[in-house]
């Protein structure tokens, strides 16, 4: 019984670690021209958006395109990081089974 309790306790701590790691995930991307930098949380929600003076030389359509593309790439990075964390967690859980 003590062994079972210890196993459950380890798994509980590992789930807590997983939750903390997932909450800390961020994705950050800067456009090729350095005009836009976007940062998103682990769910892809925009957390920060920064612009350099290069945006003043863009048309509204160019500006829109680079903001959307940069934010989307930041979200992809965050999702890739989340996938890495979940895959590592799943591997660890499979080893313990």
C-alpha atoms as a PDB file:
ATOM      1  CA  UNK A   1       0.000   0.000   0.000  1.00  0.00           C
ATOM      2  CA  UNK A   2       2.852   2.420   0.782  1.00  0.00           C
ATOM      3  CA  UNK A   3       4.327   1.776  -2.641  1.00  0.00           C
ATOM      4  CA  UNK A   4       1.012   2.576  -4.324  1.00  0.00           C
ATOM      5  CA  UNK A   5       0.655   5.785  -2.327  1.00  0.00           C
ATOM      6  CA  UNK A   6       4.164   6.829  -3.285  1.00  0.00           C
ATOM      7  CA  UNK A   7       3.478   6.146  -6.954  1.00  0.00           C
ATOM      8  CA  UNK A   8       0.284   8.216  -6.834  1.00  0.00           C
ATOM      9  CA  UNK A   9       2.130  11.008  -5.031  1.00  0.00           C
ATOM     10  CA  UNK A  10       4.877  11.054  -7.701  1.00  0.00           C
ATOM     11  CA  UNK A  11       2.284  11.174 -10.460  1.00  0.00           C
ATOM     12  CA  UNK A  12       0.430  14.003  -8.732  1.00  0.00           C
ATOM     13  CA  UNK A  13       3.658  16.016  -8.447  1.00  0.00           C
ATOM     14  CA  UNK A  14       4.418  15.312 -12.092  1.00  0.00           C
ATOM     15  CA  UNK A  15       0.939  16.547 -13.107  1.00  0.00           C
ATOM     16  CA  UNK A  16       1.565  19.719 -11.112  1.00  0.00           C
ATOM     17  CA  UNK A  17       4.911  20.144 -12.888  1.00  0.00           C
ATOM     18  CA  UNK A  18       3.165  19.672 -16.221  1.00  0.00           C
ATOM     19  CA  UNK A  19       0.586  22.344 -15.384  1.00  0.00           C
ATOM     20  CA  UNK A  20       3.321  24.799 -14.361  1.00  0.00           C
ATOM     21  CA  UNK A  21       5.339  24.126 -17.489  1.00  0.00           C
ATOM     22  CA  UNK A  22       2.297  24.561 -19.718  1.00  0.00           C
ATOM     23  CA  UNK A  23       1.383  27.835 -18.007  1.00  0.00           C
ATOM     24  CA  UNK A  24       4.909  29.156 -18.583  1.00  0.00           C
ATOM     25  CA  UNK A  25       4.954  28.483 -22.331  1.00  0.00           C
ATOM     26  CA  UNK A  26       5.469  31.541 -24.512  1.00  0.00           C
ATOM     27  CA  UNK A  27       6.124  31.984 -28.193  1.00  0.00           C
ATOM     28  CA  UNK A  28       8.048  34.971 -29.505  1.00  0.00           C
ATOM     29  CA  UNK A  29       8.771  35.927 -33.082  1.00  0.00           C
ATOM     30  CA  UNK A  30      10.222  38.935 -34.860  1.00  0.00           C
ATOM     31  CA  UNK A  31       9.449  39.638 -38.501  1.00  0.00           C
ATOM     32  CA  UNK A  32      12.303  39.256 -40.987  1.00  0.00           C
ATOM     33  CA  UNK A  33      12.636  43.007 -41.352  1.00  0.00           C
ATOM     34  CA  UNK A  34      12.565  43.537 -37.579  1.00  0.00           C
ATOM     35  CA  UNK A  35       9.490  45.742 -37.838  1.00  0.00           C
ATOM     36  CA  UNK A  36       7.205  43.620 -35.630  1.00  0.00           C
ATOM     37  CA  UNK A  37       7.790  41.421 -32.609  1.00  0.00           C
ATOM     38  CA  UNK A  38       4.911  39.378 -31.228  1.00  0.00           C
ATOM     39  CA  UNK A  39       4.732  37.321 -28.060  1.00  0.00           C
ATOM     40  CA  UNK A  40       1.912  34.905 -27.276  1.00  0.00           C
ATOM     41  CA  UNK A  41       1.044  32.673 -24.365  1.00  0.00           C
ATOM     42  CA  UNK A  42       0.795  28.897 -24.556  1.00  0.00           C
ATOM     43  CA  UNK A  43      -2.730  29.139 -25.948  1.00  0.00           C
ATOM     44  CA  UNK A  44      -1.653  31.472 -28.744  1.00  0.00           C
ATOM     45  CA  UNK A  45      -3.228  34.553 -27.167  1.00  0.00           C
ATOM     46  CA  UNK A  46      -1.308  37.734 -27.895  1.00  0.00           C
ATOM     47  CA  UNK A  47       0.601  38.951 -24.839  1.00  0.00           C
ATOM     48  CA  UNK A  48       2.876  41.607 -26.332  1.00  0.00           C
ATOM     49  CA  UNK A  49       3.262  43.374 -29.656  1.00  0.00           C
ATOM     50  CA  UNK A  50       6.179  45.696 -30.396  1.00  0.00           C
ATOM     51  CA  UNK A  51       6.942  47.785 -33.448  1.00  0.00           C
ATOM     52  CA  UNK A  52      10.137  49.328 -34.737  1.00  0.00           C
ATOM     53  CA  UNK A  53      10.319  52.491 -36.797  1.00  0.00           C
ATOM     54  CA  UNK A  54      10.269  50.281 -39.904  1.00  0.00           C
ATOM     55  CA  UNK A  55       6.471  50.113 -39.687  1.00  0.00           C
ATOM     56  CA  UNK A  56       6.294  53.773 -40.715  1.00  0.00           C
ATOM     57  CA  UNK A  57       7.466  52.779 -44.195  1.00  0.00           C
ATOM     58  CA  UNK A  58       4.747  50.131 -44.652  1.00  0.00           C
ATOM     59  CA  UNK A  59       1.403  50.447 -46.307  1.00  0.00           C
ATOM     60  CA  UNK A  60      -1.599  49.508 -44.175  1.00  0.00           C
ATOM     61  CA  UNK A  61      -1.886  46.219 -46.094  1.00  0.00           C
ATOM     62  CA  UNK A  62       1.804  45.395 -45.554  1.00  0.00           C
ATOM     63  CA  UNK A  63       1.504  46.284 -41.880  1.00  0.00           C
ATOM     64  CA  UNK A  64      -1.539  44.048 -41.460  1.00  0.00           C
ATOM     65  CA  UNK A  65       0.150  41.175 -43.260  1.00  0.00           C
ATOM     66  CA  UNK A  66       3.367  41.322 -41.228  1.00  0.00           C
ATOM     67  CA  UNK A  67       1.539  41.630 -37.884  1.00  0.00           C
ATOM     68  CA  UNK A  68      -0.696  38.638 -38.617  1.00  0.00           C
ATOM     69  CA  UNK A  69       2.163  36.509 -39.999  1.00  0.00           C
ATOM     70  CA  UNK A  70       4.468  37.334 -37.095  1.00  0.00           C
ATOM     71  CA  UNK A  71       1.807  36.621 -34.469  1.00  0.00           C
ATOM     72  CA  UNK A  72       0.919  33.357 -36.220  1.00  0.00           C
ATOM     73  CA  UNK A  73       4.558  32.257 -36.209  1.00  0.00           C
ATOM     74  CA  UNK A  74       4.838  33.111 -32.503  1.00  0.00           C
ATOM     75  CA  UNK A  75       1.749  30.966 -31.863  1.00  0.00           C
ATOM     76  CA  UNK A  76       3.264  28.085 -33.858  1.00  0.00           C
ATOM     77  CA  UNK A  77       6.383  28.280 -31.694  1.00  0.00           C
ATOM     78  CA  UNK A  78       4.276  28.194 -28.527  1.00  0.00           C
ATOM     79  CA  UNK A  79       2.267  25.216 -29.788  1.00  0.00           C
ATOM     80  CA  UNK A  80       5.457  23.368 -30.734  1.00  0.00           C
ATOM     81  CA  UNK A  81       6.806  23.952 -27.231  1.00  0.00           C
ATOM     82  CA  UNK A  82       3.555  22.702 -25.680  1.00  0.00           C
ATOM     83  CA  UNK A  83       3.716  19.587 -27.850  1.00  0.00           C
ATOM     84  CA  UNK A  84       7.301  18.921 -26.711  1.00  0.00           C
ATOM     85  CA  UNK A  85       6.256  19.221 -23.070  1.00  0.00           C
ATOM     86  CA  UNK A  86       3.239  16.919 -23.503  1.00  0.00           C
ATOM     87  CA  UNK A  87       5.225  14.338 -25.478  1.00  0.00           C
ATOM     88  CA  UNK A  88       7.943  14.253 -22.821  1.00  0.00           C
ATOM     89  CA  UNK A  89       5.282  13.912 -20.118  1.00  0.00           C
ATOM     90  CA  UNK A  90       3.572  11.067 -21.987  1.00  0.00           C
ATOM     91  CA  UNK A  91       6.891   9.273 -22.450  1.00  0.00           C
ATOM     92  CA  UNK A  92       7.636   9.572 -18.741  1.00  0.00           C
ATOM     93  CA  UNK A  93       4.182   8.284 -17.812  1.00  0.00           C
ATOM     94  CA  UNK A  94       4.543   5.336 -20.206  1.00  0.00           C
ATOM     95  CA  UNK A  95       7.879   4.410 -18.624  1.00  0.00           C
ATOM     96  CA  UNK A  96       6.295   4.393 -15.159  1.00  0.00           C
ATOM     97  CA  UNK A  97       3.409   2.187 -16.212  1.00  0.00           C
END
